C-alpha atoms as a PDB file:
ATOM      1  CA  MET A   1     -53.047  31.912  25.751  1.00  0.00           C
ATOM      2  CA  PRO A   2     -56.057  29.601  26.091  1.00  0.00           C
ATOM      3  CA  ALA A   3     -56.607  27.669  29.263  1.00  0.00           C
ATOM      4  CA  SER A   4     -55.677  24.010  29.336  1.00  0.00           C
ATOM      5  CA  PRO A   5     -58.606  21.787  28.333  1.00  0.00           C
ATOM      6  CA  ASN A   6     -60.741  20.738  31.258  1.00  0.00           C
ATOM      7  CA  LEU A   7     -60.710  16.966  30.935  1.00  0.00           C
ATOM      8  CA  ILE A   8     -64.091  16.524  32.595  1.00  0.00           C
ATOM      9  CA  PHE A   9     -65.594  17.717  29.335  1.00  0.00           C
ATOM     10  CA  GLN A  10     -64.143  14.784  27.433  1.00  0.00           C
ATOM     11  CA  GLY A  11     -66.553  12.354  29.019  1.00  0.00           C
ATOM     12  CA  SER A  12     -70.306  12.010  28.829  1.00  0.00           C
ATOM     13  CA  ARG A  13     -72.640  14.845  29.745  1.00  0.00           C
ATOM     14  CA  ALA A  14     -73.534  12.960  32.934  1.00  0.00           C
ATOM     15  CA  GLN A  15     -70.172  14.087  34.320  1.00  0.00           C
ATOM     16  CA  ARG A  16     -70.799  17.784  33.700  1.00  0.00           C
ATOM     17  CA  LYS A  17     -72.252  20.356  36.015  1.00  0.00           C
ATOM     18  CA  THR A  18     -75.536  21.577  34.536  1.00  0.00           C
ATOM     19  CA  THR A  19     -78.206  24.064  35.594  1.00  0.00           C
ATOM     20  CA  MET A  20     -81.783  24.875  34.681  1.00  0.00           C
ATOM     21  CA  LEU A  21     -82.364  27.173  31.733  1.00  0.00           C
ATOM     22  CA  ALA A  22     -82.650  30.880  32.383  1.00  0.00           C
ATOM     23  CA  ASP A  23     -84.912  33.144  30.316  1.00  0.00           C
ATOM     24  CA  ARG A  24     -81.859  34.409  28.394  1.00  0.00           C
ATOM     25  CA  ASP A  25     -81.039  30.819  27.401  1.00  0.00           C
ATOM     26  CA  LYS A  26     -84.518  30.354  25.958  1.00  0.00           C
ATOM     27  CA  ARG A  27     -84.216  33.633  24.057  1.00  0.00           C
ATOM     28  CA  CYS A  28     -80.942  32.453  22.546  1.00  0.00           C
ATOM     29  CA  LEU A  29     -82.546  29.185  21.493  1.00  0.00           C
ATOM     30  CA  ARG A  30     -85.248  31.169  19.729  1.00  0.00           C
ATOM     31  CA  GLN A  31     -82.531  33.112  17.859  1.00  0.00           C
ATOM     32  CA  SER A  32     -81.049  29.934  16.385  1.00  0.00           C
ATOM     33  CA  ILE A  33     -82.111  28.800  12.937  1.00  0.00           C
ATOM     34  CA  PHE A  34     -83.072  25.311  14.053  1.00  0.00           C
ATOM     35  CA  PHE A  35     -84.812  25.889  17.380  1.00  0.00           C
ATOM     36  CA  GLY A  36     -86.304  29.171  16.175  1.00  0.00           C
ATOM     37  CA  SER A  37     -87.977  27.344  13.272  1.00  0.00           C
ATOM     38  CA  LEU A  38     -89.800  24.867  15.511  1.00  0.00           C
ATOM     39  CA  PRO A  39     -93.543  25.255  16.157  1.00  0.00           C
ATOM     40  CA  GLU A  40     -94.170  26.906  19.520  1.00  0.00           C
ATOM     41  CA  ASP A  41     -95.624  23.802  21.188  1.00  0.00           C
ATOM     42  CA  VAL A  42     -92.771  21.562  20.022  1.00  0.00           C
ATOM     43  CA  PHE A  43     -90.222  24.190  21.055  1.00  0.00           C
ATOM     44  CA  ASP A  44     -91.700  24.270  24.590  1.00  0.00           C
ATOM     45  CA  LEU A  45     -91.639  20.477  24.898  1.00  0.00           C
ATOM     46  CA  ILE A  46     -87.999  20.278  23.802  1.00  0.00           C
ATOM     47  CA  VAL A  47     -86.810  23.218  25.911  1.00  0.00           C
ATOM     48  CA  ALA A  48     -88.330  21.600  29.000  1.00  0.00           C
ATOM     49  CA  GLN A  49     -85.704  18.841  28.611  1.00  0.00           C
ATOM     50  CA  ALA A  50     -82.726  21.152  28.049  1.00  0.00           C
ATOM     51  CA  SER A  51     -80.094  22.411  30.475  1.00  0.00           C
ATOM     52  CA  SER A  52     -77.311  24.979  30.453  1.00  0.00           C
ATOM     53  CA  GLU A  53     -73.579  24.463  30.911  1.00  0.00           C
ATOM     54  CA  GLU A  54     -70.805  26.911  31.741  1.00  0.00           C
ATOM     55  CA  VAL A  55     -67.541  26.100  29.959  1.00  0.00           C
ATOM     56  CA  LYS A  56     -64.125  27.697  30.206  1.00  0.00           C
ATOM     57  CA  GLN A  57     -61.875  28.816  27.375  1.00  0.00           C
ATOM     58  CA  GLY A  58     -60.151  25.730  25.999  1.00  0.00           C
ATOM     59  CA  ASP A  59     -62.692  23.254  27.384  1.00  0.00           C
ATOM     60  CA  ILE A  60     -63.493  20.363  25.053  1.00  0.00           C
ATOM     61  CA  ILE A  61     -67.258  20.166  24.559  1.00  0.00           C
ATOM     62  CA  PHE A  62     -67.127  16.999  22.502  1.00  0.00           C
ATOM     63  CA  GLN A  63     -64.511  15.123  20.527  1.00  0.00           C
ATOM     64  CA  GLN A  64     -64.469  13.725  17.022  1.00  0.00           C
ATOM     65  CA  ASP A  65     -65.854  10.141  16.947  1.00  0.00           C
ATOM     66  CA  GLU A  66     -67.586  10.575  20.327  1.00  0.00           C
ATOM     67  CA  ALA A  67     -71.213   9.374  20.316  1.00  0.00           C
ATOM     68  CA  ALA A  68     -73.462  12.270  19.320  1.00  0.00           C
ATOM     69  CA  GLU A  69     -75.872  12.545  22.215  1.00  0.00           C
ATOM     70  CA  THR A  70     -76.447  16.304  22.451  1.00  0.00           C
ATOM     71  CA  VAL A  71     -77.363  19.268  20.273  1.00  0.00           C
ATOM     72  CA  TYR A  72     -75.926  22.578  21.468  1.00  0.00           C
ATOM     73  CA  CYS A  73     -76.752  26.245  21.197  1.00  0.00           C
ATOM     74  CA  VAL A  74     -74.368  29.038  22.177  1.00  0.00           C
ATOM     75  CA  ALA A  75     -76.048  31.299  24.730  1.00  0.00           C
ATOM     76  CA  ASN A  76     -72.904  33.364  25.242  1.00  0.00           C
ATOM     77  CA  GLY A  77     -69.312  33.171  24.035  1.00  0.00           C
ATOM     78  CA  ALA A  78     -67.822  31.315  21.066  1.00  0.00           C
ATOM     79  CA  VAL A  79     -67.250  27.691  20.077  1.00  0.00           C
ATOM     80  CA  LYS A  80     -65.057  26.352  17.288  1.00  0.00           C
ATOM     81  CA  LEU A  81     -65.594  23.147  15.362  1.00  0.00           C
ATOM     82  CA  SER A  82     -62.372  21.647  14.060  1.00  0.00           C
ATOM     83  CA  VAL A  83     -60.733  18.497  12.758  1.00  0.00           C
ATOM     84  CA  ALA A  84     -57.195  17.238  13.285  1.00  0.00           C
ATOM     85  CA  THR A  85     -55.041  16.477  10.262  1.00  0.00           C
ATOM     86  CA  LYS A  86     -52.635  13.536  10.023  1.00  0.00           C
ATOM     87  CA  GLU A  87     -49.845  16.040  10.681  1.00  0.00           C
ATOM     88  CA  GLY A  88     -51.502  17.057  13.938  1.00  0.00           C
ATOM     89  CA  ASP A  89     -52.721  20.481  12.778  1.00  0.00           C
ATOM     90  CA  ASP A  90     -56.062  21.755  14.046  1.00  0.00           C
ATOM     91  CA  VAL A  91     -58.171  22.873  11.078  1.00  0.00           C
ATOM     92  CA  VAL A  92     -61.080  25.160  11.997  1.00  0.00           C
ATOM     93  CA  VAL A  93     -64.275  24.203  10.188  1.00  0.00           C
ATOM     94  CA  GLU A  94     -66.577  26.829  11.661  1.00  0.00           C
ATOM     95  CA  ILE A  95     -66.985  29.182  14.613  1.00  0.00           C
ATOM     96  CA  PHE A  96     -70.332  29.656  16.343  1.00  0.00           C
ATOM     97  CA  HIS A  97     -71.397  32.653  18.414  1.00  0.00           C
ATOM     98  CA  GLU A  98     -74.410  33.645  20.492  1.00  0.00           C
ATOM     99  CA  GLY A  99     -77.691  32.378  19.080  1.00  0.00           C
ATOM    100  CA  ALA A 100     -76.156  29.658  16.878  1.00  0.00           C
ATOM    101  CA  SER A 101     -76.859  25.959  17.307  1.00  0.00           C
ATOM    102  CA  PHE A 102     -74.819  23.030  16.059  1.00  0.00           C
ATOM    103  CA  ALA A 103     -74.975  19.223  15.664  1.00  0.00           C
ATOM    104  CA  GLU A 104     -78.631  19.279  14.546  1.00  0.00           C
ATOM    105  CA  ALA A 105     -77.784  17.220  11.443  1.00  0.00           C
ATOM    106  CA  LEU A 106     -77.176  14.207  13.697  1.00  0.00           C
ATOM    107  CA  ILE A 107     -80.615  14.209  15.324  1.00  0.00           C
ATOM    108  CA  PHE A 108     -81.945  11.170  13.467  1.00  0.00           C
ATOM    109  CA  ARG A 109     -78.711   9.196  13.379  1.00  0.00           C
ATOM    110  CA  ASP A 110     -77.059   7.060  16.037  1.00  0.00           C
ATOM    111  CA  ALA A 111     -73.747   8.427  14.851  1.00  0.00           C
ATOM    112  CA  ALA A 112     -70.594  10.058  16.142  1.00  0.00           C
ATOM    113  CA  TYR A 113     -69.619  13.704  16.022  1.00  0.00           C
ATOM    114  CA  PRO A 114     -67.530  14.232  12.854  1.00  0.00           C
ATOM    115  CA  VAL A 115     -65.584  17.127  14.405  1.00  0.00           C
ATOM    116  CA  ASN A 116     -64.173  18.410  17.690  1.00  0.00           C
ATOM    117  CA  ALA A 117     -65.954  21.235  19.535  1.00  0.00           C
ATOM    118  CA  THR A 118     -63.894  23.524  21.782  1.00  0.00           C
ATOM    119  CA  ALA A 119     -64.770  26.677  23.696  1.00  0.00           C
ATOM    120  CA  LEU A 120     -62.840  29.611  22.232  1.00  0.00           C
ATOM    121  CA  THR A 121     -63.847  31.810  25.159  1.00  0.00           C
ATOM    122  CA  ASP A 122     -65.570  31.320  28.489  1.00  0.00           C
ATOM    123  CA  SER A 123     -69.033  30.391  27.249  1.00  0.00           C
ATOM    124  CA  ARG A 124     -72.514  29.384  28.287  1.00  0.00           C
ATOM    125  CA  LEU A 125     -74.138  26.624  26.266  1.00  0.00           C
ATOM    126  CA  VAL A 126     -77.640  25.229  26.088  1.00  0.00           C
ATOM    127  CA  ALA A 127     -77.494  21.446  25.826  1.00  0.00           C
ATOM    128  CA  VAL A 128     -80.477  19.522  24.451  1.00  0.00           C
ATOM    129  CA  PRO A 129     -80.552  15.702  24.439  1.00  0.00           C
ATOM    130  CA  ARG A 130     -80.613  14.440  20.856  1.00  0.00           C
ATOM    131  CA  LYS A 131     -83.088  11.674  21.636  1.00  0.00           C
ATOM    132  CA  ALA A 132     -85.474  14.159  23.245  1.00  0.00           C
ATOM    133  CA  ILE A 133     -85.503  16.240  20.069  1.00  0.00           C
ATOM    134  CA  GLU A 134     -85.918  13.141  17.913  1.00  0.00           C
ATOM    135  CA  ALA A 135     -88.859  11.868  19.975  1.00  0.00           C
ATOM    136  CA  GLU A 136     -90.737  15.167  19.925  1.00  0.00           C
ATOM    137  CA  MET A 137     -90.154  15.690  16.207  1.00  0.00           C
ATOM    138  CA  ARG A 138     -91.314  12.178  15.304  1.00  0.00           C
ATOM    139  CA  ALA A 139     -94.449  12.826  17.353  1.00  0.00           C
ATOM    140  CA  ASN A 140     -94.919  16.182  15.591  1.00  0.00           C
ATOM    141  CA  PRO A 141     -94.040  15.821  11.872  1.00  0.00           C
ATOM    142  CA  GLN A 142     -94.879  19.492  11.266  1.00  0.00           C
ATOM    143  CA  ALA A 143     -91.569  20.303  12.972  1.00  0.00           C
ATOM    144  CA  PHE A 144     -89.412  18.544  10.345  1.00  0.00           C
ATOM    145  CA  PRO A 145     -88.850  21.677   8.186  1.00  0.00           C
ATOM    146  CA  ALA A 146     -86.728  23.091  11.029  1.00  0.00           C
ATOM    147  CA  VAL A 147     -84.076  20.445  10.381  1.00  0.00           C
ATOM    148  CA  LEU A 148     -84.082  21.176   6.662  1.00  0.00           C
ATOM    149  CA  GLN A 149     -83.794  24.915   7.319  1.00  0.00           C
ATOM    150  CA  ALA A 150     -80.811  24.459   9.640  1.00  0.00           C
ATOM    151  CA  ALA A 151     -79.101  22.023   7.273  1.00  0.00           C
ATOM    152  CA  PHE A 152     -79.605  24.403   4.355  1.00  0.00           C
ATOM    153  CA  MET A 153     -78.114  27.367   6.220  1.00  0.00           C
ATOM    154  CA  HIS A 154     -75.077  25.361   7.383  1.00  0.00           C
ATOM    155  CA  LEU A 155     -74.558  24.093   3.834  1.00  0.00           C
ATOM    156  CA  ARG A 156     -74.817  27.604   2.415  1.00  0.00           C
ATOM    157  CA  ARG A 157     -72.168  28.865   4.855  1.00  0.00           C
ATOM    158  CA  LEU A 158     -69.841  26.024   3.909  1.00  0.00           C
ATOM    159  CA  VAL A 159     -70.352  26.741   0.199  1.00  0.00           C
ATOM    160  CA  ARG A 160     -69.461  30.387   0.792  1.00  0.00           C
ATOM    161  CA  GLN A 161     -66.319  29.349   2.652  1.00  0.00           C
ATOM    162  CA  ILE A 162     -65.281  27.091  -0.220  1.00  0.00           C
ATOM    163  CA  GLU A 163     -65.950  29.876  -2.715  1.00  0.00           C
ATOM    164  CA  GLN A 164     -63.767  32.239  -0.711  1.00  0.00           C
ATOM    165  CA  LEU A 165     -60.950  29.696  -0.466  1.00  0.00           C
ATOM    166  CA  LYS A 166     -60.997  29.098  -4.224  1.00  0.00           C
ATOM    167  CA  ALA A 167     -61.758  32.586  -5.517  1.00  0.00           C
ATOM    168  CA  THR A 168     -59.815  34.908  -3.214  1.00  0.00           C
ATOM    169  CA  SER A 169     -56.221  35.230  -2.036  1.00  0.00           C
ATOM    170  CA  GLY A 170     -55.134  34.910   1.577  1.00  0.00           C
ATOM    171  CA  VAL A 171     -54.647  38.682   1.840  1.00  0.00           C
ATOM    172  CA  GLU A 172     -58.152  39.291   0.493  1.00  0.00           C
ATOM    173  CA  ARG A 173     -59.642  36.866   3.012  1.00  0.00           C
ATOM    174  CA  VAL A 174     -57.813  38.649   5.843  1.00  0.00           C
ATOM    175  CA  ALA A 175     -59.093  42.037   4.647  1.00  0.00           C
ATOM    176  CA  GLY A 176     -62.639  40.695   4.417  1.00  0.00           C
ATOM    177  CA  PHE A 177     -62.414  39.178   7.898  1.00  0.00           C
ATOM    178  CA  LEU A 178     -61.251  42.469   9.426  1.00  0.00           C
ATOM    179  CA  LEU A 179     -63.919  44.500   7.619  1.00  0.00           C
ATOM    180  CA  ALA A 180     -66.568  42.066   8.871  1.00  0.00           C
ATOM    181  CA  LEU A 181     -65.317  42.612  12.436  1.00  0.00           C
ATOM    182  CA  ALA A 182     -65.377  46.371  11.903  1.00  0.00           C
ATOM    183  CA  GLU A 183     -68.979  46.254  10.678  1.00  0.00           C
ATOM    184  CA  GLN A 184     -70.066  44.997  14.100  1.00  0.00           C
ATOM    185  CA  ASP A 185     -69.267  48.467  15.490  1.00  0.00           C
ATOM    186  CA  PRO A 186     -68.927  50.959  12.607  1.00  0.00           C
ATOM    187  CA  ASP A 187     -68.174  53.867  14.979  1.00  0.00           C
ATOM    188  CA  GLN A 188     -64.971  52.251  16.256  1.00  0.00           C
ATOM    189  CA  THR A 189     -61.677  52.580  14.395  1.00  0.00           C
ATOM    190  CA  VAL A 190     -59.840  50.163  16.694  1.00  0.00           C
ATOM    191  CA  ILE A 191     -61.114  46.591  16.850  1.00  0.00           C
ATOM    192  CA  THR A 192     -59.908  43.576  18.790  1.00  0.00           C
ATOM    193  CA  ILE A 193     -59.295  40.256  17.084  1.00  0.00           C
ATOM    194  CA  PRO A 194     -61.378  37.960  19.294  1.00  0.00           C
ATOM    195  CA  TYR A 195     -59.327  34.789  18.800  1.00  0.00           C
ATOM    196  CA  GLU A 196     -55.716  33.714  18.753  1.00  0.00           C
ATOM    197  CA  LYS A 197     -54.044  34.417  15.416  1.00  0.00           C
ATOM    198  CA  GLN A 198     -53.538  30.692  14.867  1.00  0.00           C
ATOM    199  CA  VAL A 199     -57.319  30.199  15.029  1.00  0.00           C
ATOM    200  CA  VAL A 200     -57.916  33.102  12.631  1.00  0.00           C
ATOM    201  CA  ALA A 201     -55.342  31.721  10.190  1.00  0.00           C
ATOM    202  CA  SER A 202     -56.897  28.248  10.248  1.00  0.00           C
ATOM    203  CA  MET A 203     -60.388  29.687   9.788  1.00  0.00           C
ATOM    204  CA  LEU A 204     -59.181  31.631   6.738  1.00  0.00           C
ATOM    205  CA  GLY A 205     -57.318  28.669   5.277  1.00  0.00           C
ATOM    206  CA  ILE A 206     -53.804  30.127   5.597  1.00  0.00           C
ATOM    207  CA  LYS A 207     -50.697  29.564   7.697  1.00  0.00           C
ATOM    208  CA  PRO A 208     -50.012  31.778  10.761  1.00  0.00           C
ATOM    209  CA  GLU A 209     -46.921  33.215   9.055  1.00  0.00           C
ATOM    210  CA  THR A 210     -49.040  34.063   6.004  1.00  0.00           C
ATOM    211  CA  LEU A 211     -51.460  35.899   8.278  1.00  0.00           C
ATOM    212  CA  SER A 212     -48.620  38.005   9.676  1.00  0.00           C
ATOM    213  CA  ARG A 213     -47.422  38.845   6.166  1.00  0.00           C
ATOM    214  CA  ALA A 214     -50.976  39.761   5.157  1.00  0.00           C
ATOM    215  CA  PHE A 215     -51.240  42.190   8.085  1.00  0.00           C
ATOM    216  CA  LYS A 216     -47.976  43.779   6.983  1.00  0.00           C
ATOM    217  CA  ARG A 217     -49.104  44.067   3.389  1.00  0.00           C
ATOM    218  CA  LEU A 218     -52.412  45.642   4.370  1.00  0.00           C
ATOM    219  CA  GLU A 219     -50.662  48.449   6.245  1.00  0.00           C
ATOM    220  CA  LYS A 220     -50.485  50.424   2.995  1.00  0.00           C
ATOM    221  CA  HIS A 221     -54.224  49.943   2.565  1.00  0.00           C
ATOM    222  CA  GLY A 222     -55.385  51.639   5.759  1.00  0.00           C
ATOM    223  CA  LEU A 223     -54.513  49.138   8.457  1.00  0.00           C
ATOM    224  CA  ARG A 224     -52.263  49.076  11.515  1.00  0.00           C
ATOM    225  CA  VAL A 225     -51.909  45.940  13.675  1.00  0.00           C
ATOM    226  CA  GLN A 226     -50.532  45.878  17.209  1.00  0.00           C
ATOM    227  CA  GLY A 227     -50.988  42.475  18.835  1.00  0.00           C
ATOM    228  CA  PRO A 228     -54.708  41.650  19.000  1.00  0.00           C
ATOM    229  CA  LYS A 229     -55.614  45.298  18.334  1.00  0.00           C
ATOM    230  CA  VAL A 230     -56.286  46.416  14.767  1.00  0.00           C
ATOM    231  CA  GLU A 231     -56.652  50.074  13.860  1.00  0.00           C
ATOM    232  CA  ILE A 232     -58.388  50.811  10.589  1.00  0.00           C
ATOM    233  CA  THR A 233     -56.816  54.133   9.656  1.00  0.00           C
ATOM    234  CA  ASN A 234     -58.535  54.330   6.273  1.00  0.00           C
ATOM    235  CA  ARG A 235     -61.611  52.148   5.874  1.00  0.00           C
ATOM    236  CA  ALA A 236     -62.278  53.393   2.343  1.00  0.00           C
ATOM    237  CA  ALA A 237     -58.776  52.341   1.279  1.00  0.00           C
ATOM    238  CA  LEU A 238     -59.216  48.877   2.802  1.00  0.00           C
ATOM    239  CA  GLU A 239     -62.600  48.440   1.139  1.00  0.00           C
ATOM    240  CA  GLY A 240     -61.120  49.702  -2.117  1.00  0.00           C
ATOM    241  CA  PHE A 241     -58.348  47.107  -1.969  1.00  0.00           C
ATOM    242  CA  LEU A 242     -60.866  44.339  -1.390  1.00  0.00           C
ATOM    243  CA  ASN A 243     -63.227  45.486  -4.141  1.00  0.00           C
ATOM    244  CA  ALA A 244     -60.403  45.951  -6.648  1.00  0.00           C
ATOM    245  CA  SER A 245     -58.915  42.509  -6.027  1.00  0.00           C
END
């Protein structure tokens, strides 16, 4: 079960414990689409104003409608972006892992975050003041394509998610999710689902009970599920089911 949210993370960044960037943090920034697309001199100027933050599983990084003051990059761990429905359900919009940045689209707007950001695991984040990025980019117009590149990639991911929701069944989305996990380590037949099943279900656009039924149905297609552990007993059969659907 996730840890209870650490309420200190619901306030401004001034309340949080921060540290100087390590070399690994800078390497992760360079991996991100946005920061990695910046000219070297602009990148150095922006990074000089960044800091790192250690967050615990369940910590709230920012809340929906909170003033957007910071752009983040995941140096280690995982962060989910989500919105709350009127019924109180938490709908996962996207999950970010090491080397991914988020909230760049708000750089040139005095706006609020449109989603909640929560640490799915113990994580290390690089936090960059939005106004620092804005100032350096206005002073260096050659850096503007980085924003367009990041926005394009985020939009493309969202379009793919919508396509999957409209064009595939819940069982197919579960099979695709598990095969994607398996591809991270092709030599392993047993993989671990890295998040709670409720998070996986929300990310795939299905109910938790539908996820459980999908696992059961996929057992005849080369899959065995025991808690967070998933054994792919016949990868060819699972791929065949997905390709034939």
